[in-house]
Amino acid sequence: MKTTTDFTFKLLNVLSWIIFIGLAIDTGGYITNTIYMLFFNSNVASRFWRNLDLSDLYNYDLGFFICFTVVLIIVSLLKTILFYQTVSVFHKKKFNLANPFNETIKNFIFKFAFIAFAIGLFSYAGKSFSNWLISQGLQMPALENVKLGGADVWLFMGITLLIFAKIFKKGIELQTENELTV
């Protein structure tokens, strides 16, 4: 049983690193392309990060372009931070299955929940802003291409994790009480 658990944790650690690195590259791409477009060459709007065509938005209004790319950067950065938290918990070896209810895991779940909730809020704001821009007659890339879809899932996950964090908090209290009575 221990061998299976160790393998599972190692596999999850490797997957978390792969996802973290991919998200960090994505975030860096959004930041770099936005800065490059604003200060050096505005002609690349049609070939923004991952070949997104934001030229219509850039030509319509620079302020709207900046707002939209800032939302993209924030969502991408929050996803990167989310997986950084996961990688750091694996790296510091804070998982202890013999004593699962501890402050480190509770804090990890709380952070994870709040970050997931923030991703949901910013994704929803970005989706709403994109839909408003489309209603103004602009050509915008699909939400799946800019990775702003799924706001409802992120909000649901954030709320669910907050509930689990509260359960963990109660579990820690019960475990501490149990240790004191023994």
Protein backbone atom coordinates (compact mmCIF):
# COMPACT_ATOMS: atom_id res chain seq x y z
CA MET A 1 0.00 0.00 0.00
CA LYS A 2 2.83 2.41 0.87
CA THR A 3 4.53 1.78 -2.49
CA THR A 4 1.37 2.71 -4.39
CA THR A 5 0.94 5.89 -2.33
CA ASP A 6 4.59 6.90 -2.83
CA PHE A 7 4.30 6.32 -6.59
CA THR A 8 1.08 8.34 -6.72
CA PHE A 9 2.66 11.27 -4.88
CA LYS A 10 5.73 11.18 -7.12
CA LEU A 11 3.54 11.09 -10.23
CA LEU A 12 1.44 14.01 -8.97
CA ASN A 13 4.62 15.92 -8.15
CA VAL A 14 5.96 15.44 -11.70
CA LEU A 15 2.61 16.43 -13.24
CA SER A 16 2.44 19.52 -11.01
CA TRP A 17 5.92 20.57 -12.13
CA ILE A 18 5.03 20.10 -15.81
CA ILE A 19 1.82 22.13 -15.45
CA PHE A 20 3.61 24.81 -13.38
CA ILE A 21 6.35 25.23 -16.00
CA GLY A 22 3.79 25.41 -18.82
CA LEU A 23 1.73 28.02 -16.98
CA ALA A 24 4.85 30.06 -16.14
CA ILE A 25 5.79 30.10 -19.84
CA ASP A 26 2.24 31.12 -20.75
CA THR A 27 2.24 33.96 -18.20
CA GLY A 28 5.64 35.14 -19.39
CA GLY A 29 4.38 35.07 -22.97
CA TYR A 30 1.40 37.27 -22.16
CA ILE A 31 3.55 39.76 -20.23
CA THR A 32 6.33 39.88 -22.80
CA ASN A 33 3.99 40.23 -25.77
CA THR A 34 1.97 42.98 -24.09
CA ILE A 35 5.07 45.00 -23.20
CA TYR A 36 6.59 44.43 -26.64
CA MET A 37 3.41 45.57 -28.37
CA LEU A 38 2.95 48.64 -26.22
CA PHE A 39 6.51 49.94 -26.36
CA PHE A 40 8.23 48.52 -29.43
CA ASN A 41 6.06 47.13 -32.23
CA SER A 42 2.29 47.46 -32.34
CA ASN A 43 2.09 45.53 -35.61
CA VAL A 44 2.24 42.17 -33.81
CA ALA A 45 -1.32 42.56 -32.47
CA SER A 46 -2.52 40.17 -35.14
CA ARG A 47 -0.01 37.59 -33.89
CA PHE A 48 -0.25 38.05 -30.14
CA TRP A 49 0.84 35.25 -27.82
CA ARG A 50 -0.20 31.83 -29.20
CA ASN A 51 -1.28 33.53 -32.46
CA LEU A 52 -4.25 35.31 -30.90
CA ASP A 53 -5.53 38.09 -33.11
CA LEU A 54 -6.10 41.14 -30.93
CA SER A 55 -5.49 43.67 -33.71
CA ASP A 56 -9.15 44.69 -33.88
CA LEU A 57 -9.16 45.46 -30.16
CA TYR A 58 -5.80 47.27 -30.32
CA ASN A 59 -6.97 49.44 -33.23
CA TYR A 60 -10.32 50.15 -31.54
CA ASP A 61 -8.99 51.42 -28.21
CA LEU A 62 -5.60 51.12 -26.54
CA GLY A 63 -7.13 51.35 -23.05
CA PHE A 64 -9.48 48.43 -23.74
CA PHE A 65 -6.55 46.46 -25.13
CA ILE A 66 -4.52 47.09 -21.98
CA CYS A 67 -7.46 46.14 -19.73
CA PHE A 68 -8.06 42.92 -21.64
CA THR A 69 -4.41 41.87 -21.63
CA VAL A 70 -4.09 42.72 -17.93
CA VAL A 71 -7.01 40.40 -17.19
CA LEU A 72 -5.34 37.69 -19.29
CA ILE A 73 -2.09 38.20 -17.38
CA ILE A 74 -3.82 38.14 -13.98
CA VAL A 75 -5.71 34.92 -14.74
CA SER A 76 -2.59 33.26 -16.10
CA LEU A 77 -0.48 34.48 -13.16
CA LEU A 78 -3.02 33.23 -10.61
CA LYS A 79 -3.02 29.79 -12.27
CA THR A 80 0.78 29.78 -12.12
CA ILE A 81 0.72 30.74 -8.43
CA LEU A 82 -1.82 28.01 -7.79
CA PHE A 83 0.48 25.35 -9.17
CA TYR A 84 3.50 26.93 -7.48
CA GLN A 85 1.71 26.36 -4.18
CA THR A 86 1.17 22.72 -5.15
CA VAL A 87 4.79 22.24 -6.20
CA SER A 88 6.07 23.85 -3.00
CA VAL A 89 3.95 21.57 -0.79
CA PHE A 90 5.31 18.53 -2.63
CA HIS A 91 8.85 19.90 -2.55
CA LYS A 92 8.80 20.61 1.18
CA LYS A 93 7.28 17.17 1.77
CA LYS A 94 4.49 18.55 3.94
CA PHE A 95 2.14 15.64 3.24
CA ASN A 96 2.02 13.26 6.18
CA LEU A 97 -0.60 10.57 5.71
CA ALA A 98 -0.10 9.34 9.29
CA ASN A 99 -1.18 12.79 10.51
CA PRO A 100 -3.20 14.31 7.64
CA PHE A 101 -4.89 17.03 9.64
CA ASN A 102 -2.16 19.62 10.16
CA GLU A 103 -1.84 23.39 9.86
CA THR A 104 0.28 23.24 6.70
CA ILE A 105 -2.31 21.30 4.72
CA LYS A 106 -5.14 23.45 6.09
CA ASN A 107 -3.31 26.62 5.02
CA PHE A 108 -2.56 25.05 1.63
CA ILE A 109 -6.23 24.27 1.06
CA PHE A 110 -7.28 27.78 2.15
CA LYS A 111 -4.75 29.40 -0.22
CA PHE A 112 -5.77 27.06 -3.02
CA ALA A 113 -9.44 27.89 -2.47
CA PHE A 114 -8.93 31.65 -2.45
CA ILE A 115 -6.71 31.56 -5.54
CA ALA A 116 -9.23 29.35 -7.38
CA PHE A 117 -12.01 31.74 -6.39
CA ALA A 118 -9.96 34.72 -7.64
CA ILE A 119 -9.29 32.93 -10.94
CA GLY A 120 -13.04 32.43 -11.28
CA LEU A 121 -13.79 36.09 -10.61
CA PHE A 122 -11.17 37.41 -13.04
CA SER A 123 -12.15 34.84 -15.68
CA TYR A 124 -15.77 35.92 -15.36
CA ALA A 125 -14.77 39.59 -15.62
CA GLY A 126 -12.66 38.84 -18.70
CA LYS A 127 -15.48 36.83 -20.28
CA SER A 128 -17.99 39.60 -19.62
CA PHE A 129 -15.61 42.23 -20.98
CA SER A 130 -14.95 40.13 -24.09
CA ASN A 131 -18.70 39.64 -24.66
CA TRP A 132 -19.26 43.38 -24.27
CA LEU A 133 -16.51 44.08 -26.81
CA ILE A 134 -18.13 41.63 -29.23
CA SER A 135 -21.45 43.43 -28.76
CA GLN A 136 -19.63 46.63 -29.78
CA GLY A 137 -18.81 44.97 -33.10
CA LEU A 138 -15.23 43.89 -32.45
CA GLN A 139 -13.70 40.61 -33.57
CA MET A 140 -12.42 38.86 -30.45
CA PRO A 141 -10.77 35.46 -30.12
CA ALA A 142 -12.84 32.64 -28.62
CA LEU A 143 -12.76 32.44 -24.82
CA GLU A 144 -11.24 28.96 -25.00
CA ASN A 145 -8.30 30.34 -26.97
CA VAL A 146 -7.56 33.04 -24.40
CA LYS A 147 -8.23 30.59 -21.57
CA LEU A 148 -10.93 32.68 -19.92
CA GLY A 149 -13.64 30.03 -20.19
CA GLY A 150 -14.72 28.00 -17.19
CA ALA A 151 -15.18 30.80 -14.68
CA ASP A 152 -18.10 28.95 -13.14
CA VAL A 153 -15.93 25.86 -12.59
CA TRP A 154 -13.22 27.89 -10.86
CA LEU A 155 -15.80 29.58 -8.62
CA PHE A 156 -17.37 26.23 -7.77
CA MET A 157 -13.96 24.72 -7.01
CA GLY A 158 -13.03 27.69 -4.81
CA ILE A 159 -16.21 27.43 -2.76
CA THR A 160 -15.90 23.64 -2.48
CA LEU A 161 -12.31 23.92 -1.31
CA LEU A 162 -13.30 26.51 1.28
CA ILE A 163 -15.75 23.95 2.66
CA PHE A 164 -12.99 21.30 2.73
CA ALA A 165 -10.67 23.77 4.46
CA LYS A 166 -13.28 24.31 7.17
CA ILE A 167 -13.59 20.53 7.55
CA PHE A 168 -9.80 20.27 7.85
CA LYS A 169 -9.82 23.02 10.46
CA LYS A 170 -12.36 21.05 12.51
CA GLY A 171 -10.31 17.87 11.97
CA ILE A 172 -7.23 19.62 13.36
CA GLU A 173 -9.19 20.72 16.41
CA LEU A 174 -10.48 17.18 16.99
CA GLN A 175 -7.04 15.67 16.45
CA THR A 176 -5.44 18.12 18.90
CA GLU A 177 -8.15 17.43 21.45
CA ASN A 178 -7.67 13.69 20.95
CA GLU A 179 -3.90 13.99 21.46
CA LEU A 180 -4.42 15.95 24.68
CA THR A 181 -6.78 13.35 26.16
CA VAL A 182 -4.46 10.41 25.49
